[in-house]
Amino acid sequence: MTSVAHLDSPNVVDIGLSQMLSLVSDYDSDAMLDVHLIGGFDDTSSKNANLANRSSAKLDGYSYSLCAKIIETLRDRNEKFQIHTLHVLQHNTRWDPDGTALPIFSGFVVETSTGSIIPASFDRTSRCPDEIVRRIRVTACYRDPNWDGRLLETYDTKTDHFVIAPCTWSTHQLYIAMAIQELSDAEILLRCSTSPSAESPDFVENERRQCDYLIRHPLWRETFPHKQPRIFQRIEGGSWVKC
């Protein structure tokens, strides 16, 4: 069985790995579990910087602390892990002509029957259903203690359903959305991204779509009546319909 997760903060690593392992229900506790770490690039470095200075400098980027936390947590757990792929940090970093660090790739697909991993990119047509609501949940849940340190599970493999759990948002987030809409595209990119130079071309557009939804739906109960999740099922052809 394969378990895949997006870890974007050291704060979710401990509980997140436990969540992932709980979904791998058929593994032997003494078995060696294959691990593939992919995606984080060296966001502290510049091609033009002196290598010795980079080595001794404070590593205050986002990727290094996250990758270090993952490795440390794997080491300290009781299960047995074997790292097959470590395509992170400088292994996943290229530089543009100005010396700006960029990821070589940031997406992949997994062939679950074989465990094969293939680099991939995704356009809007291949994204999840109810994409904007899902994006809002990601940003809104940081204020929800029920999700503190946990990964946001969405896809139910047993039922083949896509489930967006209910979340709440306040007037504070509405004010933030209204303020963001007043910014220029360049300002949104700089203020809303931890890696502005590495974002996809539609990053700013997606931020504006998210803000627009919050402005048009300031009351979260309109989106999650009676605090019920939004559930989608797959139909023939691979598209999704709301249950």
C-alpha atoms as a PDB file:
ATOM      1  CA  MET A   1       0.000   0.000   0.000  1.00  0.00           C
ATOM      2  CA  THR A   2       1.149   3.532  -0.763  1.00  0.00           C
ATOM      3  CA  SER A   3       0.658   6.621   1.406  1.00  0.00           C
ATOM      4  CA  VAL A   4       1.338  10.089  -0.042  1.00  0.00           C
ATOM      5  CA  ALA A   5       1.292  13.419   1.789  1.00  0.00           C
ATOM      6  CA  HIS A   6       2.302  17.038   1.320  1.00  0.00           C
ATOM      7  CA  LEU A   7       4.284  18.236   4.339  1.00  0.00           C
ATOM      8  CA  ASP A   8       4.858  21.993   4.292  1.00  0.00           C
ATOM      9  CA  SER A   9       5.844  22.711   7.895  1.00  0.00           C
ATOM     10  CA  PRO A  10       7.971  21.031  10.583  1.00  0.00           C
ATOM     11  CA  ASN A  11       4.955  21.425  12.879  1.00  0.00           C
ATOM     12  CA  VAL A  12       2.958  18.751  11.037  1.00  0.00           C
ATOM     13  CA  VAL A  13       5.695  16.135  10.642  1.00  0.00           C
ATOM     14  CA  ASP A  14       5.221  14.142  13.870  1.00  0.00           C
ATOM     15  CA  ILE A  15       1.452  13.749  13.710  1.00  0.00           C
ATOM     16  CA  GLY A  16       1.479  13.745   9.913  1.00  0.00           C
ATOM     17  CA  LEU A  17       3.736  10.685   9.687  1.00  0.00           C
ATOM     18  CA  SER A  18       1.556   8.900  12.240  1.00  0.00           C
ATOM     19  CA  GLN A  19      -1.488   9.704  10.097  1.00  0.00           C
ATOM     20  CA  MET A  20       0.248   8.335   7.004  1.00  0.00           C
ATOM     21  CA  LEU A  21       1.305   5.113   8.727  1.00  0.00           C
ATOM     22  CA  SER A  22      -2.177   4.576  10.140  1.00  0.00           C
ATOM     23  CA  LEU A  23      -3.466   4.422   6.561  1.00  0.00           C
ATOM     24  CA  VAL A  24      -0.951   1.752   5.566  1.00  0.00           C
ATOM     25  CA  SER A  25      -2.990  -0.932   7.284  1.00  0.00           C
ATOM     26  CA  ASP A  26      -1.340  -3.963   5.714  1.00  0.00           C
ATOM     27  CA  TYR A  27       2.295  -3.369   6.651  1.00  0.00           C
ATOM     28  CA  ASP A  28       4.283  -5.678   8.918  1.00  0.00           C
ATOM     29  CA  SER A  29       5.674  -3.830  11.940  1.00  0.00           C
ATOM     30  CA  ASP A  30       9.051  -5.463  11.241  1.00  0.00           C
ATOM     31  CA  ALA A  31       8.976  -4.732   7.515  1.00  0.00           C
ATOM     32  CA  MET A  32      11.227  -2.179   5.853  1.00  0.00           C
ATOM     33  CA  LEU A  33       9.139   0.733   4.597  1.00  0.00           C
ATOM     34  CA  ASP A  34      10.315   2.519   1.454  1.00  0.00           C
ATOM     35  CA  VAL A  35      10.467   6.317   1.722  1.00  0.00           C
ATOM     36  CA  HIS A  36      10.637   8.884  -1.087  1.00  0.00           C
ATOM     37  CA  LEU A  37      11.235  12.557  -0.216  1.00  0.00           C
ATOM     38  CA  ILE A  38      10.616  14.871  -3.154  1.00  0.00           C
ATOM     39  CA  GLY A  39      10.011  18.547  -3.740  1.00  0.00           C
ATOM     40  CA  GLY A  40      11.700  20.898  -1.275  1.00  0.00           C
ATOM     41  CA  PHE A  41      14.424  22.975  -2.933  1.00  0.00           C
ATOM     42  CA  ASP A  42      17.357  24.918  -1.482  1.00  0.00           C
ATOM     43  CA  ASP A  43      15.587  28.215  -0.869  1.00  0.00           C
ATOM     44  CA  THR A  44      18.492  29.581   1.201  1.00  0.00           C
ATOM     45  CA  SER A  45      21.055  29.544  -1.564  1.00  0.00           C
ATOM     46  CA  SER A  46      22.143  31.570  -4.560  1.00  0.00           C
ATOM     47  CA  LYS A  47      24.318  30.295  -7.363  1.00  0.00           C
ATOM     48  CA  ASN A  48      26.543  33.338  -7.009  1.00  0.00           C
ATOM     49  CA  ALA A  49      27.049  32.956  -3.251  1.00  0.00           C
ATOM     50  CA  ASN A  50      30.290  31.553  -1.905  1.00  0.00           C
ATOM     51  CA  LEU A  51      29.845  27.875  -1.032  1.00  0.00           C
ATOM     52  CA  ALA A  52      31.789  28.180   2.220  1.00  0.00           C
ATOM     53  CA  ASN A  53      29.676  31.137   3.286  1.00  0.00           C
ATOM     54  CA  ARG A  54      26.510  29.210   2.466  1.00  0.00           C
ATOM     55  CA  SER A  55      27.700  26.296   4.583  1.00  0.00           C
ATOM     56  CA  SER A  56      28.379  28.451   7.612  1.00  0.00           C
ATOM     57  CA  ALA A  57      25.425  30.802   7.189  1.00  0.00           C
ATOM     58  CA  LYS A  58      22.279  30.519   9.221  1.00  0.00           C
ATOM     59  CA  LEU A  59      19.971  28.124   7.376  1.00  0.00           C
ATOM     60  CA  ASP A  60      16.802  30.172   7.692  1.00  0.00           C
ATOM     61  CA  GLY A  61      15.007  28.919   4.591  1.00  0.00           C
ATOM     62  CA  TYR A  62      11.790  26.927   4.788  1.00  0.00           C
ATOM     63  CA  SER A  63      12.951  23.698   3.155  1.00  0.00           C
ATOM     64  CA  TYR A  64      16.027  22.883   5.237  1.00  0.00           C
ATOM     65  CA  SER A  65      14.283  22.835   8.623  1.00  0.00           C
ATOM     66  CA  LEU A  66      11.400  20.830   7.171  1.00  0.00           C
ATOM     67  CA  CYS A  67      13.632  18.206   5.552  1.00  0.00           C
ATOM     68  CA  ALA A  68      15.767  17.927   8.686  1.00  0.00           C
ATOM     69  CA  LYS A  69      12.656  17.396  10.811  1.00  0.00           C
ATOM     70  CA  ILE A  70      11.402  14.625   8.522  1.00  0.00           C
ATOM     71  CA  ILE A  71      14.735  12.773   8.623  1.00  0.00           C
ATOM     72  CA  GLU A  72      15.012  13.139  12.398  1.00  0.00           C
ATOM     73  CA  THR A  73      11.464  11.874  12.915  1.00  0.00           C
ATOM     74  CA  LEU A  74      12.016   8.842  10.686  1.00  0.00           C
ATOM     75  CA  ARG A  75      15.185   8.076  12.646  1.00  0.00           C
ATOM     76  CA  ASP A  76      13.456   8.286  16.015  1.00  0.00           C
ATOM     77  CA  ARG A  77      10.379   6.188  15.192  1.00  0.00           C
ATOM     78  CA  ASN A  78      10.140   2.474  15.975  1.00  0.00           C
ATOM     79  CA  GLU A  79       9.342   1.466  12.400  1.00  0.00           C
ATOM     80  CA  LYS A  80      12.075   0.601   9.918  1.00  0.00           C
ATOM     81  CA  PHE A  81      12.525   2.966   6.993  1.00  0.00           C
ATOM     82  CA  GLN A  82      14.723   2.898   3.914  1.00  0.00           C
ATOM     83  CA  ILE A  83      15.066   6.172   2.009  1.00  0.00           C
ATOM     84  CA  HIS A  84      15.018   5.333  -1.700  1.00  0.00           C
ATOM     85  CA  THR A  85      14.654   8.875  -3.036  1.00  0.00           C
ATOM     86  CA  LEU A  86      16.044  12.077  -1.523  1.00  0.00           C
ATOM     87  CA  HIS A  87      15.312  14.625  -4.232  1.00  0.00           C
ATOM     88  CA  VAL A  88      15.269  17.686  -1.983  1.00  0.00           C
ATOM     89  CA  LEU A  89      17.392  20.769  -1.204  1.00  0.00           C
ATOM     90  CA  GLN A  90      20.373  21.066  -3.582  1.00  0.00           C
ATOM     91  CA  HIS A  91      19.424  17.787  -5.302  1.00  0.00           C
ATOM     92  CA  ASN A  92      16.219  19.512  -6.428  1.00  0.00           C
ATOM     93  CA  THR A  93      17.638  22.973  -7.125  1.00  0.00           C
ATOM     94  CA  ARG A  94      18.526  24.770 -10.337  1.00  0.00           C
ATOM     95  CA  TRP A  95      19.454  28.412 -10.886  1.00  0.00           C
ATOM     96  CA  ASP A  96      18.177  30.909 -13.404  1.00  0.00           C
ATOM     97  CA  PRO A  97      20.545  33.336 -15.210  1.00  0.00           C
ATOM     98  CA  ASP A  98      20.238  35.807 -12.313  1.00  0.00           C
ATOM     99  CA  GLY A  99      21.353  33.205  -9.786  1.00  0.00           C
ATOM    100  CA  THR A 100      17.909  32.705  -8.251  1.00  0.00           C
ATOM    101  CA  ALA A 101      17.325  29.237  -6.812  1.00  0.00           C
ATOM    102  CA  LEU A 102      14.373  27.332  -8.305  1.00  0.00           C
ATOM    103  CA  PRO A 103      13.068  23.776  -7.870  1.00  0.00           C
ATOM    104  CA  ILE A 104      13.844  21.301 -10.635  1.00  0.00           C
ATOM    105  CA  PHE A 105      10.377  19.878 -10.195  1.00  0.00           C
ATOM    106  CA  SER A 106       7.679  20.167  -7.547  1.00  0.00           C
ATOM    107  CA  GLY A 107       5.070  17.600  -8.540  1.00  0.00           C
ATOM    108  CA  PHE A 108       4.863  13.878  -9.221  1.00  0.00           C
ATOM    109  CA  VAL A 109       2.485  10.995  -9.775  1.00  0.00           C
ATOM    110  CA  VAL A 110       2.695   7.592  -8.119  1.00  0.00           C
ATOM    111  CA  GLU A 111       1.841   4.329  -9.837  1.00  0.00           C
ATOM    112  CA  THR A 112       0.305   2.604  -6.824  1.00  0.00           C
ATOM    113  CA  SER A 113       0.549  -0.909  -8.266  1.00  0.00           C
ATOM    114  CA  THR A 114       4.331  -0.674  -8.661  1.00  0.00           C
ATOM    115  CA  GLY A 115       5.383   2.209  -6.414  1.00  0.00           C
ATOM    116  CA  SER A 116       6.983   3.996  -9.376  1.00  0.00           C
ATOM    117  CA  ILE A 117       7.305   7.787  -9.059  1.00  0.00           C
ATOM    118  CA  ILE A 118       7.184  10.024 -12.133  1.00  0.00           C
ATOM    119  CA  PRO A 119       7.760  13.823 -12.205  1.00  0.00           C
ATOM    120  CA  ALA A 120       4.628  15.668 -13.292  1.00  0.00           C
ATOM    121  CA  SER A 121       2.993  19.072 -13.487  1.00  0.00           C
ATOM    122  CA  PHE A 122      -0.711  19.775 -13.151  1.00  0.00           C
ATOM    123  CA  ASP A 123      -2.891  22.395 -14.785  1.00  0.00           C
ATOM    124  CA  ARG A 124      -6.285  23.526 -13.534  1.00  0.00           C
ATOM    125  CA  THR A 125      -8.142  20.771 -15.417  1.00  0.00           C
ATOM    126  CA  SER A 126      -6.381  18.072 -13.387  1.00  0.00           C
ATOM    127  CA  ARG A 127      -6.903  19.591  -9.951  1.00  0.00           C
ATOM    128  CA  CYS A 128      -9.273  18.435  -7.244  1.00  0.00           C
ATOM    129  CA  PRO A 129     -12.990  19.270  -7.222  1.00  0.00           C
ATOM    130  CA  ASP A 130     -14.056  22.390  -5.360  1.00  0.00           C
ATOM    131  CA  GLU A 131     -10.503  23.669  -5.603  1.00  0.00           C
ATOM    132  CA  ILE A 132     -11.117  27.146  -4.180  1.00  0.00           C
ATOM    133  CA  VAL A 133     -12.981  25.879  -1.105  1.00  0.00           C
ATOM    134  CA  ARG A 134     -10.187  23.402  -0.483  1.00  0.00           C
ATOM    135  CA  ARG A 135      -7.625  26.217  -0.732  1.00  0.00           C
ATOM    136  CA  ILE A 136      -9.603  28.297   1.754  1.00  0.00           C
ATOM    137  CA  ARG A 137      -9.758  25.368   4.167  1.00  0.00           C
ATOM    138  CA  VAL A 138      -5.968  25.035   4.037  1.00  0.00           C
ATOM    139  CA  THR A 139      -5.493  28.669   5.065  1.00  0.00           C
ATOM    140  CA  ALA A 140      -8.412  28.775   7.522  1.00  0.00           C
ATOM    141  CA  CYS A 141      -7.498  25.652   9.481  1.00  0.00           C
ATOM    142  CA  TYR A 142      -4.389  27.175  11.015  1.00  0.00           C
ATOM    143  CA  ARG A 143      -6.742  28.899  13.483  1.00  0.00           C
ATOM    144  CA  ASP A 144      -8.665  25.677  14.213  1.00  0.00           C
ATOM    145  CA  PRO A 145      -7.222  23.740  17.202  1.00  0.00           C
ATOM    146  CA  ASN A 146      -8.826  20.532  15.904  1.00  0.00           C
ATOM    147  CA  TRP A 147      -6.341  20.527  13.021  1.00  0.00           C
ATOM    148  CA  ASP A 148      -3.286  21.688  14.954  1.00  0.00           C
ATOM    149  CA  GLY A 149      -0.290  19.674  13.748  1.00  0.00           C
ATOM    150  CA  ARG A 150      -2.433  17.429  11.559  1.00  0.00           C
ATOM    151  CA  LEU A 151      -2.521  16.851   7.825  1.00  0.00           C
ATOM    152  CA  LEU A 152      -5.762  17.741   6.053  1.00  0.00           C
ATOM    153  CA  GLU A 153      -7.063  14.457   4.684  1.00  0.00           C
ATOM    154  CA  THR A 154      -9.253  14.809   1.613  1.00  0.00           C
ATOM    155  CA  TYR A 155      -9.294  11.650  -0.504  1.00  0.00           C
ATOM    156  CA  ASP A 156     -11.033   8.576   0.944  1.00  0.00           C
ATOM    157  CA  THR A 157      -9.463   5.586  -0.785  1.00  0.00           C
ATOM    158  CA  LYS A 158     -12.060   3.138   0.549  1.00  0.00           C
ATOM    159  CA  THR A 159     -15.046   4.930  -0.987  1.00  0.00           C
ATOM    160  CA  ASP A 160     -13.258   6.799  -3.815  1.00  0.00           C
ATOM    161  CA  HIS A 161     -14.770  10.007  -2.458  1.00  0.00           C
ATOM    162  CA  PHE A 162     -13.181  13.444  -2.219  1.00  0.00           C
ATOM    163  CA  VAL A 163     -14.137  14.905   1.156  1.00  0.00           C
ATOM    164  CA  ILE A 164     -13.596  18.522   2.206  1.00  0.00           C
ATOM    165  CA  ALA A 165     -14.154  18.680   5.949  1.00  0.00           C
ATOM    166  CA  PRO A 166     -15.988  21.757   7.260  1.00  0.00           C
ATOM    167  CA  CYS A 167     -14.005  24.747   8.412  1.00  0.00           C
ATOM    168  CA  THR A 168     -14.888  28.224   9.607  1.00  0.00           C
ATOM    169  CA  TRP A 169     -13.652  31.678   8.700  1.00  0.00           C
ATOM    170  CA  SER A 170     -14.186  35.014  10.359  1.00  0.00           C
ATOM    171  CA  THR A 171     -14.528  38.662   9.438  1.00  0.00           C
ATOM    172  CA  HIS A 172     -10.781  38.934  10.039  1.00  0.00           C
ATOM    173  CA  GLN A 173     -10.118  36.701   7.038  1.00  0.00           C
ATOM    174  CA  LEU A 174     -12.679  38.652   5.039  1.00  0.00           C
ATOM    175  CA  TYR A 175     -10.802  41.887   5.765  1.00  0.00           C
ATOM    176  CA  ILE A 176      -7.538  40.237   4.738  1.00  0.00           C
ATOM    177  CA  ALA A 177      -9.119  39.091   1.469  1.00  0.00           C
ATOM    178  CA  MET A 178     -10.401  42.600   0.742  1.00  0.00           C
ATOM    179  CA  ALA A 179      -6.974  44.071   1.477  1.00  0.00           C
ATOM    180  CA  ILE A 180      -5.224  41.559  -0.782  1.00  0.00           C
ATOM    181  CA  GLN A 181      -7.549  42.397  -3.658  1.00  0.00           C
ATOM    182  CA  GLU A 182      -6.333  45.995  -3.451  1.00  0.00           C
ATOM    183  CA  LEU A 183      -2.710  44.943  -4.009  1.00  0.00           C
ATOM    184  CA  SER A 184      -0.932  44.747  -7.331  1.00  0.00           C
ATOM    185  CA  ASP A 185      -0.035  41.341  -8.760  1.00  0.00           C
ATOM    186  CA  ALA A 186       3.608  41.858  -7.807  1.00  0.00           C
ATOM    187  CA  GLU A 187       2.677  42.724  -4.224  1.00  0.00           C
ATOM    188  CA  ILE A 188       0.447  39.652  -3.910  1.00  0.00           C
ATOM    189  CA  LEU A 189       3.257  37.429  -5.133  1.00  0.00           C
ATOM    190  CA  LEU A 190       5.723  38.861  -2.625  1.00  0.00           C
ATOM    191  CA  ARG A 191       3.362  38.929   0.360  1.00  0.00           C
ATOM    192  CA  CYS A 192       1.508  35.638  -0.109  1.00  0.00           C
ATOM    193  CA  SER A 193       4.306  33.308  -1.178  1.00  0.00           C
ATOM    194  CA  THR A 194       7.312  31.978   0.725  1.00  0.00           C
ATOM    195  CA  SER A 195       9.079  31.362  -2.619  1.00  0.00           C
ATOM    196  CA  PRO A 196       7.870  34.056  -5.048  1.00  0.00           C
ATOM    197  CA  SER A 197      10.342  33.174  -7.789  1.00  0.00           C
ATOM    198  CA  ALA A 198       9.267  29.526  -7.792  1.00  0.00           C
ATOM    199  CA  GLU A 199       5.506  29.944  -8.046  1.00  0.00           C
ATOM    200  CA  SER A 200       3.454  28.772 -11.011  1.00  0.00           C
ATOM    201  CA  PRO A 201       2.198  31.398 -13.500  1.00  0.00           C
ATOM    202  CA  ASP A 202      -1.344  31.219 -12.093  1.00  0.00           C
ATOM    203  CA  PHE A 203      -0.363  31.774  -8.442  1.00  0.00           C
ATOM    204  CA  VAL A 204      -1.643  35.354  -8.248  1.00  0.00           C
ATOM    205  CA  GLU A 205      -4.815  34.476 -10.135  1.00  0.00           C
ATOM    206  CA  ASN A 206      -5.510  31.667  -7.658  1.00  0.00           C
ATOM    207  CA  GLU A 207      -4.979  34.017  -4.711  1.00  0.00           C
ATOM    208  CA  ARG A 208      -7.441  36.484  -6.217  1.00  0.00           C
ATOM    209  CA  ARG A 209      -9.991  33.713  -6.858  1.00  0.00           C
ATOM    210  CA  GLN A 210      -9.704  32.644  -3.241  1.00  0.00           C
ATOM    211  CA  CYS A 211     -10.163  36.208  -1.980  1.00  0.00           C
ATOM    212  CA  ASP A 212     -13.092  36.740  -4.316  1.00  0.00           C
ATOM    213  CA  TYR A 213     -14.845  33.665  -2.918  1.00  0.00           C
ATOM    214  CA  LEU A 214     -14.423  34.892   0.670  1.00  0.00           C
ATOM    215  CA  ILE A 215     -15.790  38.315  -0.271  1.00  0.00           C
ATOM    216  CA  ARG A 216     -18.809  36.779  -2.017  1.00  0.00           C
ATOM    217  CA  HIS A 217     -19.360  34.211   0.755  1.00  0.00           C
ATOM    218  CA  PRO A 218     -18.394  35.956   4.009  1.00  0.00           C
ATOM    219  CA  LEU A 219     -20.431  33.481   6.097  1.00  0.00           C
ATOM    220  CA  TRP A 220     -18.823  30.044   6.225  1.00  0.00           C
ATOM    221  CA  ARG A 221     -22.209  28.410   6.867  1.00  0.00           C
ATOM    222  CA  GLU A 222     -23.157  29.174   3.263  1.00  0.00           C
ATOM    223  CA  THR A 223     -20.384  26.824   2.193  1.00  0.00           C
ATOM    224  CA  PHE A 224     -20.777  24.240   4.968  1.00  0.00           C
ATOM    225  CA  PRO A 225     -24.476  24.174   5.978  1.00  0.00           C
ATOM    226  CA  HIS A 226     -24.953  22.484   9.367  1.00  0.00           C
ATOM    227  CA  LYS A 227     -21.166  21.973   9.485  1.00  0.00           C
ATOM    228  CA  GLN A 228     -21.437  19.137   6.971  1.00  0.00           C
ATOM    229  CA  PRO A 229     -18.493  18.205   4.718  1.00  0.00           C
ATOM    230  CA  ARG A 230     -18.562  18.734   0.980  1.00  0.00           C
ATOM    231  CA  ILE A 231     -18.339  15.270  -0.596  1.00  0.00           C
ATOM    232  CA  PHE A 232     -17.673  14.429  -4.231  1.00  0.00           C
ATOM    233  CA  GLN A 233     -17.738  11.066  -5.971  1.00  0.00           C
ATOM    234  CA  ARG A 234     -15.959  10.045  -9.135  1.00  0.00           C
ATOM    235  CA  ILE A 235     -18.060   9.195 -12.168  1.00  0.00           C
ATOM    236  CA  GLU A 236     -17.308   7.475 -15.428  1.00  0.00           C
ATOM    237  CA  GLY A 237     -14.685   9.401 -17.353  1.00  0.00           C
ATOM    238  CA  GLY A 238     -12.832  10.483 -14.209  1.00  0.00           C
ATOM    239  CA  SER A 239     -14.719  13.689 -13.379  1.00  0.00           C
ATOM    240  CA  TRP A 240     -16.297  14.458 -10.006  1.00  0.00           C
ATOM    241  CA  VAL A 241     -19.873  15.248  -8.970  1.00  0.00           C
ATOM    242  CA  LYS A 242     -21.111  16.482  -5.608  1.00  0.00           C
ATOM    243  CA  CYS A 243     -22.928  13.873  -3.526  1.00  0.00           C
END
